[in-house]
Protein backbone atom coordinates (compact mmCIF):
# COMPACT_ATOMS: atom_id res chain seq x y z
CA UNK A 1 37.16 -10.72 -37.44
CA UNK A 2 37.67 -7.92 -34.94
CA UNK A 3 38.35 -9.09 -31.37
CA UNK A 4 35.62 -6.78 -30.07
CA UNK A 5 33.05 -8.04 -32.57
CA UNK A 6 30.45 -10.56 -31.34
CA UNK A 7 29.70 -11.92 -34.81
CA UNK A 8 30.03 -15.66 -35.33
CA UNK A 9 31.12 -17.33 -38.57
CA UNK A 10 30.47 -14.24 -40.65
CA UNK A 11 26.77 -14.21 -39.75
CA UNK A 12 26.72 -10.56 -38.90
CA UNK A 13 23.68 -8.48 -38.00
CA UNK A 14 25.59 -5.53 -36.57
CA UNK A 15 26.78 -4.08 -39.88
CA UNK A 16 30.42 -4.06 -38.83
CA UNK A 17 33.03 -3.92 -41.55
CA UNK A 18 35.18 -6.66 -40.02
CA UNK A 19 32.67 -9.35 -41.04
CA UNK A 20 32.39 -8.23 -44.63
CA UNK A 21 29.22 -6.29 -43.99
CA UNK A 22 28.99 -2.67 -44.89
CA UNK A 23 29.82 -3.17 -48.55
CA UNK A 24 26.40 -1.78 -49.44
CA UNK A 25 24.86 -5.06 -50.60
CA UNK A 26 22.26 -7.04 -48.69
CA UNK A 27 20.17 -9.85 -50.12
CA UNK A 28 16.49 -9.05 -50.13
CA UNK A 29 15.03 -12.28 -51.45
CA UNK A 30 15.23 -15.85 -50.21
CA UNK A 31 15.44 -18.89 -52.40
CA UNK A 32 12.55 -21.34 -52.32
CA UNK A 33 14.70 -23.75 -50.28
CA UNK A 34 15.52 -21.00 -47.77
CA UNK A 35 11.85 -20.07 -47.46
CA UNK A 36 10.92 -23.70 -46.83
CA UNK A 37 13.69 -24.06 -44.23
CA UNK A 38 12.59 -20.92 -42.38
CA UNK A 39 8.93 -21.95 -42.42
CA UNK A 40 9.73 -25.47 -41.20
CA UNK A 41 11.78 -23.99 -38.36
CA UNK A 42 8.95 -21.60 -37.50
CA UNK A 43 6.46 -24.47 -37.55
CA UNK A 44 8.65 -26.48 -35.17
CA UNK A 45 8.79 -23.50 -32.79
CA UNK A 46 5.01 -23.12 -32.94
CA UNK A 47 4.52 -26.82 -32.15
CA UNK A 48 6.78 -26.50 -29.12
CA UNK A 49 4.85 -23.43 -27.99
CA UNK A 50 1.56 -25.30 -28.38
CA UNK A 51 2.94 -28.19 -26.34
CA UNK A 52 4.04 -25.81 -23.60
CA UNK A 53 0.62 -24.15 -23.49
CA UNK A 54 -1.12 -27.53 -23.31
CA UNK A 55 1.16 -28.62 -20.46
CA UNK A 56 0.55 -25.38 -18.60
CA UNK A 57 -3.20 -25.75 -18.99
CA UNK A 58 -3.02 -29.35 -17.76
CA UNK A 59 -1.08 -28.21 -14.67
CA UNK A 60 -3.59 -25.46 -13.96
CA UNK A 61 -6.51 -27.87 -14.24
CA UNK A 62 -5.07 -30.25 -11.61
């Protein structure tokens, strides 16, 4: 990994060649397990957002 590169553990979004990106191949499809994992993570984030909104509303109503 290049010293100037901010990529961590090969998870590169910048397209730099030092992380193995730039070879012209990018996956376009997720496995079923990956889809489930992403959706579960998204659901957890939404639940936290809902909780924050409910807390904010409760504070405003005081």
